[in-house]
C-alpha atoms as a PDB file:
ATOM      1  CA  UNK A   1       1.895   3.868 -51.595  1.00  0.00           C
ATOM      2  CA  UNK A   2      -0.989   4.606 -49.209  1.00  0.00           C
ATOM      3  CA  UNK A   3      -0.500   6.419 -45.898  1.00  0.00           C
ATOM      4  CA  UNK A   4      -1.345   3.239 -43.962  1.00  0.00           C
ATOM      5  CA  UNK A   5       1.337   1.243 -45.801  1.00  0.00           C
ATOM      6  CA  UNK A   6       3.915   4.000 -45.269  1.00  0.00           C
ATOM      7  CA  UNK A   7       3.142   4.054 -41.552  1.00  0.00           C
ATOM      8  CA  UNK A   8       3.386   0.255 -41.383  1.00  0.00           C
ATOM      9  CA  UNK A   9       6.716   0.264 -43.246  1.00  0.00           C
ATOM     10  CA  UNK A  10       8.184   2.992 -41.033  1.00  0.00           C
ATOM     11  CA  UNK A  11       7.013   1.125 -37.916  1.00  0.00           C
ATOM     12  CA  UNK A  12       8.594  -2.139 -39.095  1.00  0.00           C
ATOM     13  CA  UNK A  13      11.884  -0.442 -40.020  1.00  0.00           C
ATOM     14  CA  UNK A  14      11.968   1.419 -36.691  1.00  0.00           C
ATOM     15  CA  UNK A  15      11.450  -1.784 -34.690  1.00  0.00           C
ATOM     16  CA  UNK A  16      14.098  -3.639 -36.688  1.00  0.00           C
ATOM     17  CA  UNK A  17      16.510  -0.737 -36.122  1.00  0.00           C
ATOM     18  CA  UNK A  18      15.901  -0.822 -32.360  1.00  0.00           C
ATOM     19  CA  UNK A  19      16.451  -4.585 -32.231  1.00  0.00           C
ATOM     20  CA  UNK A  20      19.601  -4.424 -34.362  1.00  0.00           C
ATOM     21  CA  UNK A  21      21.104  -1.541 -32.381  1.00  0.00           C
ATOM     22  CA  UNK A  22      20.276  -3.159 -29.055  1.00  0.00           C
ATOM     23  CA  UNK A  23      21.740  -6.487 -30.179  1.00  0.00           C
ATOM     24  CA  UNK A  24      25.028  -4.912 -31.263  1.00  0.00           C
ATOM     25  CA  UNK A  25      25.422  -2.895 -28.053  1.00  0.00           C
ATOM     26  CA  UNK A  26      24.591  -5.883 -25.856  1.00  0.00           C
ATOM     27  CA  UNK A  27      27.030  -8.117 -27.757  1.00  0.00           C
ATOM     28  CA  UNK A  28      29.783  -5.513 -27.327  1.00  0.00           C
ATOM     29  CA  UNK A  29      29.211  -5.493 -23.566  1.00  0.00           C
ATOM     30  CA  UNK A  30      29.386  -9.286 -23.337  1.00  0.00           C
ATOM     31  CA  UNK A  31      32.220 -10.059 -25.765  1.00  0.00           C
ATOM     32  CA  UNK A  32      34.404  -7.021 -25.119  1.00  0.00           C
ATOM     33  CA  UNK A  33      34.100  -6.825 -21.322  1.00  0.00           C
ATOM     34  CA  UNK A  34      32.145  -9.616 -19.643  1.00  0.00           C
ATOM     35  CA  UNK A  35      33.710 -12.734 -21.178  1.00  0.00           C
ATOM     36  CA  UNK A  36      37.343 -11.491 -20.842  1.00  0.00           C
ATOM     37  CA  UNK A  37      36.731 -11.083 -17.092  1.00  0.00           C
ATOM     38  CA  UNK A  38      34.943 -14.434 -16.750  1.00  0.00           C
ATOM     39  CA  UNK A  39      31.704 -12.897 -15.419  1.00  0.00           C
ATOM     40  CA  UNK A  40      28.220 -14.341 -15.832  1.00  0.00           C
ATOM     41  CA  UNK A  41      25.709 -11.906 -17.279  1.00  0.00           C
ATOM     42  CA  UNK A  42      22.500 -13.359 -15.899  1.00  0.00           C
ATOM     43  CA  UNK A  43      19.392 -14.214 -17.864  1.00  0.00           C
ATOM     44  CA  UNK A  44      19.452 -16.729 -20.663  1.00  0.00           C
ATOM     45  CA  UNK A  45      22.743 -15.344 -21.956  1.00  0.00           C
ATOM     46  CA  UNK A  46      24.170 -16.096 -18.493  1.00  0.00           C
ATOM     47  CA  UNK A  47      22.961 -19.685 -18.743  1.00  0.00           C
ATOM     48  CA  UNK A  48      24.697 -19.937 -22.118  1.00  0.00           C
ATOM     49  CA  UNK A  49      27.896 -18.507 -20.652  1.00  0.00           C
ATOM     50  CA  UNK A  50      27.797 -21.154 -17.912  1.00  0.00           C
ATOM     51  CA  UNK A  51      27.438 -23.853 -20.576  1.00  0.00           C
ATOM     52  CA  UNK A  52      30.373 -22.322 -22.428  1.00  0.00           C
ATOM     53  CA  UNK A  53      32.583 -22.027 -19.326  1.00  0.00           C
ATOM     54  CA  UNK A  54      31.726 -25.579 -18.213  1.00  0.00           C
ATOM     55  CA  UNK A  55      32.049 -27.394 -21.558  1.00  0.00           C
ATOM     56  CA  UNK A  56      33.938 -25.091 -23.968  1.00  0.00           C
ATOM     57  CA  UNK A  57      31.747 -26.663 -26.634  1.00  0.00           C
ATOM     58  CA  UNK A  58      30.193 -24.379 -29.239  1.00  0.00           C
ATOM     59  CA  UNK A  59      30.137 -20.612 -28.882  1.00  0.00           C
ATOM     60  CA  UNK A  60      27.844 -18.565 -26.672  1.00  0.00           C
ATOM     61  CA  UNK A  61      25.973 -17.364 -29.765  1.00  0.00           C
ATOM     62  CA  UNK A  62      25.195 -20.945 -30.848  1.00  0.00           C
ATOM     63  CA  UNK A  63      24.180 -21.920 -27.319  1.00  0.00           C
ATOM     64  CA  UNK A  64      21.851 -18.916 -27.284  1.00  0.00           C
ATOM     65  CA  UNK A  65      20.110 -20.117 -30.433  1.00  0.00           C
ATOM     66  CA  UNK A  66      19.661 -23.631 -29.055  1.00  0.00           C
ATOM     67  CA  UNK A  67      18.186 -22.782 -25.651  1.00  0.00           C
ATOM     68  CA  UNK A  68      15.801 -20.190 -27.142  1.00  0.00           C
ATOM     69  CA  UNK A  69      13.707 -22.747 -29.041  1.00  0.00           C
ATOM     70  CA  UNK A  70      11.251 -23.640 -26.208  1.00  0.00           C
ATOM     71  CA  UNK A  71      10.894 -20.005 -25.164  1.00  0.00           C
ATOM     72  CA  UNK A  72      10.020 -18.955 -28.698  1.00  0.00           C
ATOM     73  CA  UNK A  73       7.291 -21.595 -28.819  1.00  0.00           C
ATOM     74  CA  UNK A  74       6.014 -20.112 -25.569  1.00  0.00           C
ATOM     75  CA  UNK A  75       6.050 -16.603 -27.050  1.00  0.00           C
ATOM     76  CA  UNK A  76       4.176 -17.793 -30.155  1.00  0.00           C
ATOM     77  CA  UNK A  77       1.351 -19.203 -28.028  1.00  0.00           C
ATOM     78  CA  UNK A  78       1.160 -16.674 -25.179  1.00  0.00           C
ATOM     79  CA  UNK A  79       1.930 -13.272 -26.713  1.00  0.00           C
ATOM     80  CA  UNK A  80       1.453 -12.661 -30.454  1.00  0.00           C
ATOM     81  CA  UNK A  81       2.668 -13.625 -33.901  1.00  0.00           C
ATOM     82  CA  UNK A  82       4.069 -10.138 -34.483  1.00  0.00           C
ATOM     83  CA  UNK A  83       6.063 -10.331 -31.263  1.00  0.00           C
ATOM     84  CA  UNK A  84       7.316 -13.778 -32.293  1.00  0.00           C
ATOM     85  CA  UNK A  85       8.699 -12.632 -35.649  1.00  0.00           C
ATOM     86  CA  UNK A  86      10.248  -9.452 -34.256  1.00  0.00           C
ATOM     87  CA  UNK A  87      11.844 -11.476 -31.466  1.00  0.00           C
ATOM     88  CA  UNK A  88      13.067 -14.066 -33.964  1.00  0.00           C
ATOM     89  CA  UNK A  89      14.828 -11.277 -35.830  1.00  0.00           C
ATOM     90  CA  UNK A  90      16.210  -9.925 -32.544  1.00  0.00           C
ATOM     91  CA  UNK A  91      17.526 -13.319 -31.494  1.00  0.00           C
ATOM     92  CA  UNK A  92      19.257 -13.882 -34.847  1.00  0.00           C
ATOM     93  CA  UNK A  93      20.693 -10.338 -34.784  1.00  0.00           C
ATOM     94  CA  UNK A  94      22.027 -10.862 -31.264  1.00  0.00           C
ATOM     95  CA  UNK A  95      23.503 -14.300 -32.014  1.00  0.00           C
ATOM     96  CA  UNK A  96      25.116 -12.959 -35.193  1.00  0.00           C
ATOM     97  CA  UNK A  97      26.542  -9.977 -33.315  1.00  0.00           C
ATOM     98  CA  UNK A  98      27.969 -12.319 -30.679  1.00  0.00           C
ATOM     99  CA  UNK A  99      29.701 -14.285 -33.430  1.00  0.00           C
ATOM    100  CA  UNK A 100      31.232 -11.362 -35.335  1.00  0.00           C
ATOM    101  CA  UNK A 101      32.187  -8.971 -32.510  1.00  0.00           C
ATOM    102  CA  UNK A 102      35.554 -10.169 -31.285  1.00  0.00           C
ATOM    103  CA  UNK A 103      37.426  -7.144 -29.936  1.00  0.00           C
ATOM    104  CA  UNK A 104      38.188  -6.581 -26.248  1.00  0.00           C
ATOM    105  CA  UNK A 105      37.996  -3.377 -24.224  1.00  0.00           C
ATOM    106  CA  UNK A 106      41.042  -3.357 -21.973  1.00  0.00           C
ATOM    107  CA  UNK A 107      39.711  -2.794 -18.444  1.00  0.00           C
ATOM    108  CA  UNK A 108      41.859  -4.238 -15.652  1.00  0.00           C
ATOM    109  CA  UNK A 109      39.866  -3.209 -12.581  1.00  0.00           C
ATOM    110  CA  UNK A 110      36.930  -5.641 -12.140  1.00  0.00           C
ATOM    111  CA  UNK A 111      34.715  -2.970 -10.536  1.00  0.00           C
ATOM    112  CA  UNK A 112      35.231  -0.665 -13.505  1.00  0.00           C
ATOM    113  CA  UNK A 113      34.435  -3.630 -15.757  1.00  0.00           C
ATOM    114  CA  UNK A 114      31.191  -4.174 -13.806  1.00  0.00           C
ATOM    115  CA  UNK A 115      30.161  -0.529 -14.218  1.00  0.00           C
ATOM    116  CA  UNK A 116      31.119  -0.364 -17.897  1.00  0.00           C
ATOM    117  CA  UNK A 117      29.802  -3.801 -18.866  1.00  0.00           C
ATOM    118  CA  UNK A 118      26.576  -3.471 -16.876  1.00  0.00           C
ATOM    119  CA  UNK A 119      25.868  -0.021 -18.296  1.00  0.00           C
ATOM    120  CA  UNK A 120      26.487  -1.124 -21.886  1.00  0.00           C
ATOM    121  CA  UNK A 121      24.334  -4.223 -21.473  1.00  0.00           C
ATOM    122  CA  UNK A 122      21.537  -2.272 -19.791  1.00  0.00           C
ATOM    123  CA  UNK A 123      21.527   0.291 -22.590  1.00  0.00           C
ATOM    124  CA  UNK A 124      21.459  -2.405 -25.272  1.00  0.00           C
ATOM    125  CA  UNK A 125      18.702  -4.390 -23.588  1.00  0.00           C
ATOM    126  CA  UNK A 126      16.641  -1.263 -22.926  1.00  0.00           C
ATOM    127  CA  UNK A 127      16.877  -0.104 -26.535  1.00  0.00           C
ATOM    128  CA  UNK A 128      15.782  -3.505 -27.818  1.00  0.00           C
ATOM    129  CA  UNK A 129      12.825  -3.652 -25.406  1.00  0.00           C
ATOM    130  CA  UNK A 130      11.588  -0.299 -26.676  1.00  0.00           C
ATOM    131  CA  UNK A 131      10.650  -2.225 -29.826  1.00  0.00           C
ATOM    132  CA  UNK A 132       7.626  -4.490 -30.256  1.00  0.00           C
ATOM    133  CA  UNK A 133       9.877  -7.527 -29.940  1.00  0.00           C
ATOM    134  CA  UNK A 134      12.842  -8.713 -27.926  1.00  0.00           C
ATOM    135  CA  UNK A 135      16.143 -10.506 -28.353  1.00  0.00           C
ATOM    136  CA  UNK A 136      14.664 -13.754 -27.131  1.00  0.00           C
ATOM    137  CA  UNK A 137      15.627 -15.405 -23.891  1.00  0.00           C
ATOM    138  CA  UNK A 138      13.954 -14.351 -20.670  1.00  0.00           C
ATOM    139  CA  UNK A 139      12.755 -11.151 -22.342  1.00  0.00           C
ATOM    140  CA  UNK A 140       9.843 -13.237 -23.649  1.00  0.00           C
ATOM    141  CA  UNK A 141       8.840 -14.395 -20.165  1.00  0.00           C
ATOM    142  CA  UNK A 142       9.443 -10.983 -18.568  1.00  0.00           C
ATOM    143  CA  UNK A 143       7.275  -9.198 -21.155  1.00  0.00           C
ATOM    144  CA  UNK A 144       4.432 -11.651 -20.597  1.00  0.00           C
ATOM    145  CA  UNK A 145       4.657 -11.176 -16.812  1.00  0.00           C
ATOM    146  CA  UNK A 146       4.770  -7.407 -17.290  1.00  0.00           C
ATOM    147  CA  UNK A 147       1.659  -7.481 -19.474  1.00  0.00           C
ATOM    148  CA  UNK A 148      -0.336  -9.879 -17.321  1.00  0.00           C
ATOM    149  CA  UNK A 149       0.717  -8.958 -13.785  1.00  0.00           C
ATOM    150  CA  UNK A 150       2.598  -5.632 -14.033  1.00  0.00           C
ATOM    151  CA  UNK A 151       5.897  -7.174 -12.913  1.00  0.00           C
ATOM    152  CA  UNK A 152       8.751  -4.801 -13.725  1.00  0.00           C
ATOM    153  CA  UNK A 153      11.074  -6.309 -16.310  1.00  0.00           C
ATOM    154  CA  UNK A 154      14.308  -5.343 -14.586  1.00  0.00           C
ATOM    155  CA  UNK A 155      13.109  -6.705 -11.226  1.00  0.00           C
ATOM    156  CA  UNK A 156      12.103 -10.062 -12.713  1.00  0.00           C
ATOM    157  CA  UNK A 157      15.447 -10.462 -14.474  1.00  0.00           C
ATOM    158  CA  UNK A 158      17.332  -9.578 -11.293  1.00  0.00           C
ATOM    159  CA  UNK A 159      15.327 -12.171  -9.300  1.00  0.00           C
ATOM    160  CA  UNK A 160      16.004 -14.899 -11.875  1.00  0.00           C
ATOM    161  CA  UNK A 161      19.681 -14.001 -11.873  1.00  0.00           C
ATOM    162  CA  UNK A 162      19.909 -14.555  -8.120  1.00  0.00           C
ATOM    163  CA  UNK A 163      18.810 -18.165  -8.658  1.00  0.00           C
ATOM    164  CA  UNK A 164      21.253 -18.539 -11.526  1.00  0.00           C
ATOM    165  CA  UNK A 165      24.137 -17.287  -9.396  1.00  0.00           C
ATOM    166  CA  UNK A 166      23.362 -19.795  -6.658  1.00  0.00           C
ATOM    167  CA  UNK A 167      24.115 -22.560  -9.164  1.00  0.00           C
ATOM    168  CA  UNK A 168      27.172 -20.667 -10.423  1.00  0.00           C
ATOM    169  CA  UNK A 169      28.984 -21.190  -7.105  1.00  0.00           C
ATOM    170  CA  UNK A 170      29.452 -24.856  -8.059  1.00  0.00           C
ATOM    171  CA  UNK A 171      31.452 -24.216 -11.237  1.00  0.00           C
ATOM    172  CA  UNK A 172      32.892 -20.717 -10.721  1.00  0.00           C
ATOM    173  CA  UNK A 173      35.136 -18.994  -8.217  1.00  0.00           C
ATOM    174  CA  UNK A 174      33.282 -17.217  -5.430  1.00  0.00           C
ATOM    175  CA  UNK A 175      34.769 -13.820  -6.307  1.00  0.00           C
ATOM    176  CA  UNK A 176      33.620 -14.105  -9.917  1.00  0.00           C
ATOM    177  CA  UNK A 177      30.084 -15.007  -8.839  1.00  0.00           C
ATOM    178  CA  UNK A 178      29.948 -12.030  -6.475  1.00  0.00           C
ATOM    179  CA  UNK A 179      31.253  -9.757  -9.231  1.00  0.00           C
ATOM    180  CA  UNK A 180      28.549 -11.170 -11.502  1.00  0.00           C
ATOM    181  CA  UNK A 181      25.836 -10.385  -8.932  1.00  0.00           C
ATOM    182  CA  UNK A 182      27.008  -6.775  -8.843  1.00  0.00           C
ATOM    183  CA  UNK A 183      27.057  -6.762 -12.644  1.00  0.00           C
ATOM    184  CA  UNK A 184      23.463  -8.029 -12.754  1.00  0.00           C
ATOM    185  CA  UNK A 185      22.333  -5.255 -10.409  1.00  0.00           C
ATOM    186  CA  UNK A 186      23.978  -2.533 -12.503  1.00  0.00           C
ATOM    187  CA  UNK A 187      22.497  -4.001 -15.691  1.00  0.00           C
ATOM    188  CA  UNK A 188      18.955  -4.198 -14.271  1.00  0.00           C
ATOM    189  CA  UNK A 189      19.068  -0.619 -12.969  1.00  0.00           C
ATOM    190  CA  UNK A 190      20.352   0.822 -16.243  1.00  0.00           C
ATOM    191  CA  UNK A 191      17.831  -1.239 -18.225  1.00  0.00           C
ATOM    192  CA  UNK A 192      14.935   0.076 -16.100  1.00  0.00           C
ATOM    193  CA  UNK A 193      16.206   3.631 -16.534  1.00  0.00           C
ATOM    194  CA  UNK A 194      16.438   3.280 -20.317  1.00  0.00           C
ATOM    195  CA  UNK A 195      12.932   1.776 -20.439  1.00  0.00           C
ATOM    196  CA  UNK A 196      11.419   4.663 -18.467  1.00  0.00           C
ATOM    197  CA  UNK A 197      13.500   7.660 -19.558  1.00  0.00           C
ATOM    198  CA  UNK A 198      11.483   8.287 -22.736  1.00  0.00           C
ATOM    199  CA  UNK A 199       8.155   7.868 -20.912  1.00  0.00           C
ATOM    200  CA  UNK A 200       8.957   9.947 -17.842  1.00  0.00           C
ATOM    201  CA  UNK A 201       6.686  12.937 -17.363  1.00  0.00           C
ATOM    202  CA  UNK A 202       5.893  15.409 -14.602  1.00  0.00           C
ATOM    203  CA  UNK A 203       2.534  15.397 -12.838  1.00  0.00           C
ATOM    204  CA  UNK A 204       1.775  18.724 -11.151  1.00  0.00           C
ATOM    205  CA  UNK A 205      -0.866  19.676  -8.613  1.00  0.00           C
ATOM    206  CA  UNK A 206      -1.452  23.438  -8.349  1.00  0.00           C
ATOM    207  CA  UNK A 207      -3.392  25.097  -5.542  1.00  0.00           C
ATOM    208  CA  UNK A 208      -4.270  28.734  -6.194  1.00  0.00           C
ATOM    209  CA  UNK A 209      -7.227  31.105  -6.023  1.00  0.00           C
ATOM    210  CA  UNK A 210      -6.413  32.070  -9.640  1.00  0.00           C
ATOM    211  CA  UNK A 211      -7.201  28.576 -10.901  1.00  0.00           C
ATOM    212  CA  UNK A 212      -9.177  29.682 -13.976  1.00  0.00           C
ATOM    213  CA  UNK A 213      -6.405  31.975 -15.190  1.00  0.00           C
ATOM    214  CA  UNK A 214      -3.715  29.369 -14.536  1.00  0.00           C
ATOM    215  CA  UNK A 215      -5.724  26.670 -16.345  1.00  0.00           C
ATOM    216  CA  UNK A 216      -6.104  28.987 -19.361  1.00  0.00           C
ATOM    217  CA  UNK A 217      -2.336  29.619 -19.350  1.00  0.00           C
ATOM    218  CA  UNK A 218      -1.647  25.874 -19.313  1.00  0.00           C
ATOM    219  CA  UNK A 219      -3.930  25.375 -22.305  1.00  0.00           C
ATOM    220  CA  UNK A 220      -2.768  28.406 -24.299  1.00  0.00           C
ATOM    221  CA  UNK A 221       0.957  28.629 -23.506  1.00  0.00           C
ATOM    222  CA  UNK A 222       1.806  24.986 -22.812  1.00  0.00           C
ATOM    223  CA  UNK A 223      -0.687  23.321 -25.169  1.00  0.00           C
ATOM    224  CA  UNK A 224      -1.502  20.912 -22.352  1.00  0.00           C
ATOM    225  CA  UNK A 225      -4.761  19.890 -20.764  1.00  0.00           C
ATOM    226  CA  UNK A 226      -5.754  20.458 -17.156  1.00  0.00           C
ATOM    227  CA  UNK A 227      -8.306  18.985 -14.773  1.00  0.00           C
ATOM    228  CA  UNK A 228     -10.014  20.588 -11.782  1.00  0.00           C
ATOM    229  CA  UNK A 229     -10.207  18.530  -8.602  1.00  0.00           C
ATOM    230  CA  UNK A 230     -12.624  19.728  -5.945  1.00  0.00           C
ATOM    231  CA  UNK A 231     -11.067  20.126  -2.511  1.00  0.00           C
ATOM    232  CA  UNK A 232     -11.267  22.156   0.665  1.00  0.00           C
ATOM    233  CA  UNK A 233      -8.691  23.762   2.920  1.00  0.00           C
ATOM    234  CA  UNK A 234      -8.184  21.885   6.194  1.00  0.00           C
ATOM    235  CA  UNK A 235      -7.316  25.109   8.017  1.00  0.00           C
ATOM    236  CA  UNK A 236      -9.608  27.621   6.309  1.00  0.00           C
ATOM    237  CA  UNK A 237     -12.461  25.259   5.487  1.00  0.00           C
ATOM    238  CA  UNK A 238     -12.907  27.046   2.140  1.00  0.00           C
ATOM    239  CA  UNK A 239     -13.725  25.134  -1.006  1.00  0.00           C
ATOM    240  CA  UNK A 240     -10.876  25.105  -3.530  1.00  0.00           C
ATOM    241  CA  UNK A 241     -10.255  23.873  -7.047  1.00  0.00           C
ATOM    242  CA  UNK A 242      -6.980  22.022  -7.430  1.00  0.00           C
ATOM    243  CA  UNK A 243      -5.429  21.949 -10.910  1.00  0.00           C
ATOM    244  CA  UNK A 244      -4.002  18.636 -12.100  1.00  0.00           C
ATOM    245  CA  UNK A 245      -1.850  18.600 -15.227  1.00  0.00           C
ATOM    246  CA  UNK A 246       0.878  16.479 -16.821  1.00  0.00           C
ATOM    247  CA  UNK A 247       3.706  17.963 -18.885  1.00  0.00           C
ATOM    248  CA  UNK A 248       6.895  16.816 -20.585  1.00  0.00           C
ATOM    249  CA  UNK A 249      10.077  17.240 -18.554  1.00  0.00           C
ATOM    250  CA  UNK A 250      11.329  20.137 -20.662  1.00  0.00           C
ATOM    251  CA  UNK A 251       8.047  22.032 -20.103  1.00  0.00           C
ATOM    252  CA  UNK A 252       8.270  22.039 -16.302  1.00  0.00           C
ATOM    253  CA  UNK A 253      10.290  25.250 -15.984  1.00  0.00           C
ATOM    254  CA  UNK A 254       7.995  27.098 -18.375  1.00  0.00           C
ATOM    255  CA  UNK A 255       4.984  25.921 -16.386  1.00  0.00           C
ATOM    256  CA  UNK A 256       6.483  27.110 -13.108  1.00  0.00           C
ATOM    257  CA  UNK A 257       7.197  30.535 -14.600  1.00  0.00           C
ATOM    258  CA  UNK A 258       3.661  30.845 -16.013  1.00  0.00           C
ATOM    259  CA  UNK A 259       2.007  29.835 -12.727  1.00  0.00           C
ATOM    260  CA  UNK A 260       4.146  32.057 -10.497  1.00  0.00           C
ATOM    261  CA  UNK A 261       3.703  35.012 -12.846  1.00  0.00           C
ATOM    262  CA  UNK A 262      -0.065  34.755 -12.346  1.00  0.00           C
ATOM    263  CA  UNK A 263       0.057  33.917  -8.641  1.00  0.00           C
ATOM    264  CA  UNK A 264       3.392  34.233  -6.796  1.00  0.00           C
ATOM    265  CA  UNK A 265       1.745  32.537  -3.767  1.00  0.00           C
ATOM    266  CA  UNK A 266       0.614  29.455  -5.713  1.00  0.00           C
ATOM    267  CA  UNK A 267       1.338  26.084  -4.115  1.00  0.00           C
ATOM    268  CA  UNK A 268       2.776  23.501  -6.549  1.00  0.00           C
ATOM    269  CA  UNK A 269       3.501  19.808  -6.037  1.00  0.00           C
ATOM    270  CA  UNK A 270       5.565  18.024  -8.712  1.00  0.00           C
ATOM    271  CA  UNK A 271       5.834  14.249  -9.035  1.00  0.00           C
ATOM    272  CA  UNK A 272       7.648  11.988 -11.486  1.00  0.00           C
ATOM    273  CA  UNK A 273       5.373   9.656 -13.399  1.00  0.00           C
ATOM    274  CA  UNK A 274       6.729   6.887 -15.605  1.00  0.00           C
ATOM    275  CA  UNK A 275       3.813   5.855 -17.759  1.00  0.00           C
ATOM    276  CA  UNK A 276       1.429   8.411 -19.244  1.00  0.00           C
ATOM    277  CA  UNK A 277      -0.918   7.093 -21.930  1.00  0.00           C
ATOM    278  CA  UNK A 278      -3.197   9.266 -24.028  1.00  0.00           C
ATOM    279  CA  UNK A 279      -3.274  11.977 -26.647  1.00  0.00           C
ATOM    280  CA  UNK A 280      -0.093  14.019 -26.676  1.00  0.00           C
ATOM    281  CA  UNK A 281       1.850  11.389 -24.753  1.00  0.00           C
ATOM    282  CA  UNK A 282       2.593   7.679 -25.199  1.00  0.00           C
ATOM    283  CA  UNK A 283       0.346   5.200 -26.977  1.00  0.00           C
ATOM    284  CA  UNK A 284      -0.425   1.841 -25.364  1.00  0.00           C
ATOM    285  CA  UNK A 285       2.245  -0.671 -26.357  1.00  0.00           C
ATOM    286  CA  UNK A 286       0.653  -3.763 -27.858  1.00  0.00           C
ATOM    287  CA  UNK A 287       2.929  -6.709 -28.670  1.00  0.00           C
END
């Protein structure tokens, strides 16, 4: 087997693993915690739960398959064929998991159920969205909006859920709707964290007269690149070279030690950055 085919096979298996794992975790959160408490999850699964609560016809997994049909046609046209087939697998995996997972996690306090259920759902959704597909539903729309307009996935889902909960007041008790709003917030925050945690890096600006020596240390000891930015001191009026570099989180302490060893008076500014593309970091994600 050629190297290209091996890479393709490993990529396909990795994406299927992410979708399967995310589907199972998300189904556990819904079936084991959310449904026993009568909450609405938000998103398309929340719409399906409302159908289920209102009619008691079919299961939530079957409802999920039915209402996904128009969205999958949308994904086929607007995103890509590869995304469509991965998402088709994700939708089937999620619906199947919803059908076979039947145990309940005994949590009596509704606030603890919100924290546990929202965290589990956010983790499952985040894992699945690290793949090149989705589990169907509003993930298809949110990914398109993220690609075209930079709308954050968690924020879009939270906004849609607010509209969904307005309609929920008509068929659900007020307390349950308010609990569901809190659940949606926890889920969206955890999902955003899971989506960014593997891409989070540290961007550092270093101001020092020993800029050449520090830049060499970054290249030799950290195996990272560095860029000089021309600047001038507002107080002294002297021209300065500011070092800009980006490192992995675990390299930050080593970088600080290397810089301060060379120049104990060096001035360092550290910022979190959530999307670094390029050699040595993340590759652009193409659906």
